[in-house]
Amino acid sequence: MDRAIELWRRRLAQQRLVEIDTEIKQAESTGAAERVRALMEEQVELRQALGRDIALY
């Protein structure tokens, strides 16, 4: 059961990374620099967590 939860969390993190990519592009196109920065920070955190077998959610 724990393995299934970890796989689910990993999948959610991966989906969020895809969403962040889209949101960054949108924010860049509107000149929302602060939003881009915040999204990039979240992106880094998620990627680091995925590298550590994730436990963010």
PDB file of N, CA and C in Angstrom:
ATOM      1  N   MET A   1       0.826  -1.205   0.000  1.00  0.00           N
ATOM      2  CA  MET A   1       0.000   0.000   0.000  1.00  0.00           C
ATOM      3  C   MET A   1       0.866   1.263   0.000  1.00  0.00           C
ATOM      4  N   ASP A   2       1.931   1.287   0.806  1.00  0.00           N
ATOM      5  CA  ASP A   2       2.808   2.457   0.843  1.00  0.00           C
ATOM      6  C   ASP A   2       3.423   2.731  -0.518  1.00  0.00           C
ATOM      7  N   ARG A   3       3.782   1.689  -1.226  1.00  0.00           N
ATOM      8  CA  ARG A   3       4.373   1.848  -2.559  1.00  0.00           C
ATOM      9  C   ARG A   3       3.367   2.488  -3.520  1.00  0.00           C
ATOM     10  N   ALA A   4       2.123   2.087  -3.418  1.00  0.00           N
ATOM     11  CA  ALA A   4       1.084   2.654  -4.279  1.00  0.00           C
ATOM     12  C   ALA A   4       0.902   4.143  -3.990  1.00  0.00           C
ATOM     13  N   ILE A   5       0.954   4.525  -2.743  1.00  0.00           N
ATOM     14  CA  ILE A   5       0.818   5.933  -2.375  1.00  0.00           C
ATOM     15  C   ILE A   5       1.998   6.735  -2.912  1.00  0.00           C
ATOM     16  N   GLU A   6       3.189   6.202  -2.788  1.00  0.00           N
ATOM     17  CA  GLU A   6       4.372   6.883  -3.313  1.00  0.00           C
ATOM     18  C   GLU A   6       4.290   7.057  -4.823  1.00  0.00           C
ATOM     19  N   LEU A   7       3.833   6.022  -5.515  1.00  0.00           N
ATOM     20  CA  LEU A   7       3.682   6.127  -6.969  1.00  0.00           C
ATOM     21  C   LEU A   7       2.652   7.184  -7.331  1.00  0.00           C
ATOM     22  N   TRP A   8       1.572   7.246  -6.578  1.00  0.00           N
ATOM     23  CA  TRP A   8       0.527   8.242  -6.804  1.00  0.00           C
ATOM     24  C   TRP A   8       1.089   9.650  -6.575  1.00  0.00           C
ATOM     25  N   ARG A   9       1.836   9.831  -5.495  1.00  0.00           N
ATOM     26  CA  ARG A   9       2.438  11.135  -5.200  1.00  0.00           C
ATOM     27  C   ARG A   9       3.418  11.539  -6.290  1.00  0.00           C
ATOM     28  N   ARG A  10       4.205  10.592  -6.752  1.00  0.00           N
ATOM     29  CA  ARG A  10       5.166  10.865  -7.814  1.00  0.00           C
ATOM     30  C   ARG A  10       4.432  11.316  -9.079  1.00  0.00           C
ATOM     31  N   ARG A  11       3.354  10.627  -9.409  1.00  0.00           N
ATOM     32  CA  ARG A  11       2.578  10.979 -10.603  1.00  0.00           C
ATOM     33  C   ARG A  11       1.973  12.372 -10.476  1.00  0.00           C
ATOM     34  N   LEU A  12       1.469  12.703  -9.301  1.00  0.00           N
ATOM     35  CA  LEU A  12       0.921  14.043  -9.083  1.00  0.00           C
ATOM     36  C   LEU A  12       1.999  15.110  -9.258  1.00  0.00           C
ATOM     37  N   ALA A  13       3.177  14.848  -8.741  1.00  0.00           N
ATOM     38  CA  ALA A  13       4.274  15.796  -8.871  1.00  0.00           C
ATOM     39  C   ALA A  13       4.657  15.961 -10.338  1.00  0.00           C
ATOM     40  N   GLN A  14       4.700  14.871 -11.070  1.00  0.00           N
ATOM     41  CA  GLN A  14       5.041  14.947 -12.490  1.00  0.00           C
ATOM     42  C   GLN A  14       3.982  15.730 -13.266  1.00  0.00           C
ATOM     43  N   GLN A  15       2.716  15.518 -12.928  1.00  0.00           N
ATOM     44  CA  GLN A  15       1.640  16.262 -13.586  1.00  0.00           C
ATOM     45  C   GLN A  15       1.770  17.747 -13.274  1.00  0.00           C
ATOM     46  N   ARG A  16       2.089  18.063 -12.032  1.00  0.00           N
ATOM     47  CA  ARG A  16       2.239  19.466 -11.645  1.00  0.00           C
ATOM     48  C   ARG A  16       3.388  20.118 -12.405  1.00  0.00           C
ATOM     49  N   LEU A  17       4.460  19.377 -12.634  1.00  0.00           N
ATOM     50  CA  LEU A  17       5.579  19.929 -13.397  1.00  0.00           C
ATOM     51  C   LEU A  17       5.151  20.301 -14.812  1.00  0.00           C
ATOM     52  N   VAL A  18       4.314  19.483 -15.413  1.00  0.00           N
ATOM     53  CA  VAL A  18       3.793  19.795 -16.753  1.00  0.00           C
ATOM     54  C   VAL A  18       2.934  21.060 -16.689  1.00  0.00           C
ATOM     55  N   GLU A  19       2.094  21.161 -15.672  1.00  0.00           N
ATOM     56  CA  GLU A  19       1.250  22.348 -15.503  1.00  0.00           C
ATOM     57  C   GLU A  19       2.098  23.593 -15.306  1.00  0.00           C
ATOM     58  N   ILE A  20       3.154  23.469 -14.508  1.00  0.00           N
ATOM     59  CA  ILE A  20       4.030  24.609 -14.247  1.00  0.00           C
ATOM     60  C   ILE A  20       4.669  25.103 -15.533  1.00  0.00           C
ATOM     61  N   ASP A  21       5.110  24.191 -16.383  1.00  0.00           N
ATOM     62  CA  ASP A  21       5.697  24.594 -17.662  1.00  0.00           C
ATOM     63  C   ASP A  21       4.726  25.472 -18.458  1.00  0.00           C
ATOM     64  N   THR A  22       3.488  25.058 -18.507  1.00  0.00           N
ATOM     65  CA  THR A  22       2.465  25.820 -19.235  1.00  0.00           C
ATOM     66  C   THR A  22       2.232  27.178 -18.573  1.00  0.00           C
ATOM     67  N   GLU A  23       2.150  27.173 -17.249  1.00  0.00           N
ATOM     68  CA  GLU A  23       1.919  28.421 -16.518  1.00  0.00           C
ATOM     69  C   GLU A  23       3.089  29.389 -16.668  1.00  0.00           C
ATOM     70  N   ILE A  24       4.310  28.875 -16.706  1.00  0.00           N
ATOM     71  CA  ILE A  24       5.483  29.736 -16.898  1.00  0.00           C
ATOM     72  C   ILE A  24       5.408  30.409 -18.264  1.00  0.00           C
ATOM     73  N   LYS A  25       5.080  29.654 -19.284  1.00  0.00           N
ATOM     74  CA  LYS A  25       4.978  30.230 -20.631  1.00  0.00           C
ATOM     75  C   LYS A  25       3.923  31.333 -20.674  1.00  0.00           C
ATOM     76  N   GLN A  26       2.787  31.079 -20.029  1.00  0.00           N
ATOM     77  CA  GLN A  26       1.728  32.087 -20.005  1.00  0.00           C
ATOM     78  C   GLN A  26       2.174  33.333 -19.246  1.00  0.00           C
ATOM     79  N   ALA A  27       2.806  33.134 -18.103  1.00  0.00           N
ATOM     80  CA  ALA A  27       3.261  34.264 -17.293  1.00  0.00           C
ATOM     81  C   ALA A  27       4.333  35.067 -18.029  1.00  0.00           C
ATOM     82  N   GLU A  28       5.227  34.378 -18.724  1.00  0.00           N
ATOM     83  CA  GLU A  28       6.260  35.071 -19.493  1.00  0.00           C
ATOM     84  C   GLU A  28       5.644  35.913 -20.598  1.00  0.00           C
ATOM     85  N   SER A  29       4.608  35.392 -21.231  1.00  0.00           N
ATOM     86  CA  SER A  29       3.993  36.116 -22.345  1.00  0.00           C
ATOM     87  C   SER A  29       3.261  37.376 -21.886  1.00  0.00           C
ATOM     88  N   THR A  30       2.887  37.413 -20.612  1.00  0.00           N
ATOM     89  CA  THR A  30       2.197  38.594 -20.088  1.00  0.00           C
ATOM     90  C   THR A  30       3.124  39.490 -19.273  1.00  0.00           C
ATOM     91  N   GLY A  31       4.387  39.079 -19.149  1.00  0.00           N
ATOM     92  CA  GLY A  31       5.349  39.894 -18.414  1.00  0.00           C
ATOM     93  C   GLY A  31       5.226  39.802 -16.907  1.00  0.00           C
ATOM     94  N   ALA A  32       4.629  38.736 -16.414  1.00  0.00           N
ATOM     95  CA  ALA A  32       4.427  38.552 -14.970  1.00  0.00           C
ATOM     96  C   ALA A  32       5.674  37.911 -14.343  1.00  0.00           C
ATOM     97  N   ALA A  33       6.708  38.735 -14.177  1.00  0.00           N
ATOM     98  CA  ALA A  33       8.009  38.238 -13.718  1.00  0.00           C
ATOM     99  C   ALA A  33       7.939  37.581 -12.340  1.00  0.00           C
ATOM    100  N   GLU A  34       7.197  38.149 -11.439  1.00  0.00           N
ATOM    101  CA  GLU A  34       7.096  37.579 -10.086  1.00  0.00           C
ATOM    102  C   GLU A  34       6.426  36.204 -10.117  1.00  0.00           C
ATOM    103  N   ARG A  35       5.422  36.067 -10.946  1.00  0.00           N
ATOM    104  CA  ARG A  35       4.741  34.769 -11.089  1.00  0.00           C
ATOM    105  C   ARG A  35       5.696  33.741 -11.684  1.00  0.00           C
ATOM    106  N   VAL A  36       6.476  34.134 -12.665  1.00  0.00           N
ATOM    107  CA  VAL A  36       7.460  33.235 -13.272  1.00  0.00           C
ATOM    108  C   VAL A  36       8.437  32.763 -12.201  1.00  0.00           C
ATOM    109  N   ARG A  37       8.929  33.694 -11.387  1.00  0.00           N
ATOM    110  CA  ARG A  37       9.880  33.348 -10.339  1.00  0.00           C
ATOM    111  C   ARG A  37       9.288  32.345  -9.360  1.00  0.00           C
ATOM    112  N   ALA A  38       8.059  32.584  -8.923  1.00  0.00           N
ATOM    113  CA  ALA A  38       7.401  31.687  -7.971  1.00  0.00           C
ATOM    114  C   ALA A  38       7.205  30.292  -8.570  1.00  0.00           C
ATOM    115  N   LEU A  39       6.804  30.247  -9.822  1.00  0.00           N
ATOM    116  CA  LEU A  39       6.605  28.963 -10.494  1.00  0.00           C
ATOM    117  C   LEU A  39       7.921  28.211 -10.652  1.00  0.00           C
ATOM    118  N   MET A  40       8.980  28.935 -10.967  1.00  0.00           N
ATOM    119  CA  MET A  40      10.277  28.289 -11.117  1.00  0.00           C
ATOM    120  C   MET A  40      10.783  27.731  -9.784  1.00  0.00           C
ATOM    121  N   GLU A  41      10.498  28.431  -8.698  1.00  0.00           N
ATOM    122  CA  GLU A  41      10.862  27.920  -7.379  1.00  0.00           C
ATOM    123  C   GLU A  41      10.114  26.624  -7.076  1.00  0.00           C
ATOM    124  N   GLU A  42       8.826  26.623  -7.374  1.00  0.00           N
ATOM    125  CA  GLU A  42       8.031  25.406  -7.158  1.00  0.00           C
ATOM    126  C   GLU A  42       8.559  24.265  -8.026  1.00  0.00           C
ATOM    127  N   GLN A  43       8.928  24.589  -9.240  1.00  0.00           N
ATOM    128  CA  GLN A  43       9.457  23.601 -10.171  1.00  0.00           C
ATOM    129  C   GLN A  43      10.742  22.964  -9.617  1.00  0.00           C
ATOM    130  N   VAL A  44      11.623  23.770  -9.094  1.00  0.00           N
ATOM    131  CA  VAL A  44      12.873  23.270  -8.520  1.00  0.00           C
ATOM    132  C   VAL A  44      12.583  22.358  -7.329  1.00  0.00           C
ATOM    133  N   GLU A  45      11.682  22.784  -6.465  1.00  0.00           N
ATOM    134  CA  GLU A  45      11.327  21.980  -5.288  1.00  0.00           C
ATOM    135  C   GLU A  45      10.776  20.617  -5.691  1.00  0.00           C
ATOM    136  N   LEU A  46       9.895  20.613  -6.667  1.00  0.00           N
ATOM    137  CA  LEU A  46       9.313  19.350  -7.116  1.00  0.00           C
ATOM    138  C   LEU A  46      10.357  18.432  -7.731  1.00  0.00           C
ATOM    139  N   ARG A  47      11.226  19.007  -8.555  1.00  0.00           N
ATOM    140  CA  ARG A  47      12.268  18.191  -9.178  1.00  0.00           C
ATOM    141  C   ARG A  47      13.217  17.616  -8.135  1.00  0.00           C
ATOM    142  N   GLN A  48      13.545  18.397  -7.133  1.00  0.00           N
ATOM    143  CA  GLN A  48      14.405  17.900  -6.056  1.00  0.00           C
ATOM    144  C   GLN A  48      13.695  16.794  -5.284  1.00  0.00           C
ATOM    145  N   ALA A  49      12.423  16.985  -4.996  1.00  0.00           N
ATOM    146  CA  ALA A  49      11.661  15.978  -4.268  1.00  0.00           C
ATOM    147  C   ALA A  49      11.553  14.687  -5.063  1.00  0.00           C
ATOM    148  N   LEU A  50      11.363  14.801  -6.367  1.00  0.00           N
ATOM    149  CA  LEU A  50      11.295  13.606  -7.200  1.00  0.00           C
ATOM    150  C   LEU A  50      12.616  12.854  -7.168  1.00  0.00           C
ATOM    151  N   GLY A  51      13.697  13.586  -7.092  1.00  0.00           N
ATOM    152  CA  GLY A  51      15.009  12.971  -7.005  1.00  0.00           C
ATOM    153  C   GLY A  51      15.246  12.277  -5.678  1.00  0.00           C
ATOM    154  N   ARG A  52      14.480  12.678  -4.672  1.00  0.00           N
ATOM    155  CA  ARG A  52      14.593  12.089  -3.335  1.00  0.00           C
ATOM    156  C   ARG A  52      13.436  11.153  -3.031  1.00  0.00           C
ATOM    157  N   ASP A  53      12.785  10.654  -4.027  1.00  0.00           N
ATOM    158  CA  ASP A  53      11.623   9.785  -3.855  1.00  0.00           C
ATOM    159  C   ASP A  53      10.459  10.479  -3.194  1.00  0.00           C
ATOM    160  N   ILE A  54      10.313  11.710  -3.412  1.00  0.00           N
ATOM    161  CA  ILE A  54       9.185  12.589  -3.085  1.00  0.00           C
ATOM    162  C   ILE A  54       8.411  12.289  -1.801  1.00  0.00           C
ATOM    163  N   ALA A  55       8.110  13.332  -1.085  1.00  0.00           N
ATOM    164  CA  ALA A  55       7.249  13.265   0.095  1.00  0.00           C
ATOM    165  C   ALA A  55       6.650  14.633   0.345  1.00  0.00           C
ATOM    166  N   LEU A  56       6.235  15.321  -0.715  1.00  0.00           N
ATOM    167  CA  LEU A  56       5.729  16.674  -0.576  1.00  0.00           C
ATOM    168  C   LEU A  56       4.259  16.749  -0.198  1.00  0.00           C
ATOM    169  N   TYR A  57       3.462  15.833  -0.630  1.00  0.00           N
ATOM    170  CA  TYR A  57       2.010  15.960  -0.438  1.00  0.00           C
ATOM    171  C   TYR A  57       1.533  15.175   0.724  1.00  0.00           C
TER     172      TYR A  57
END
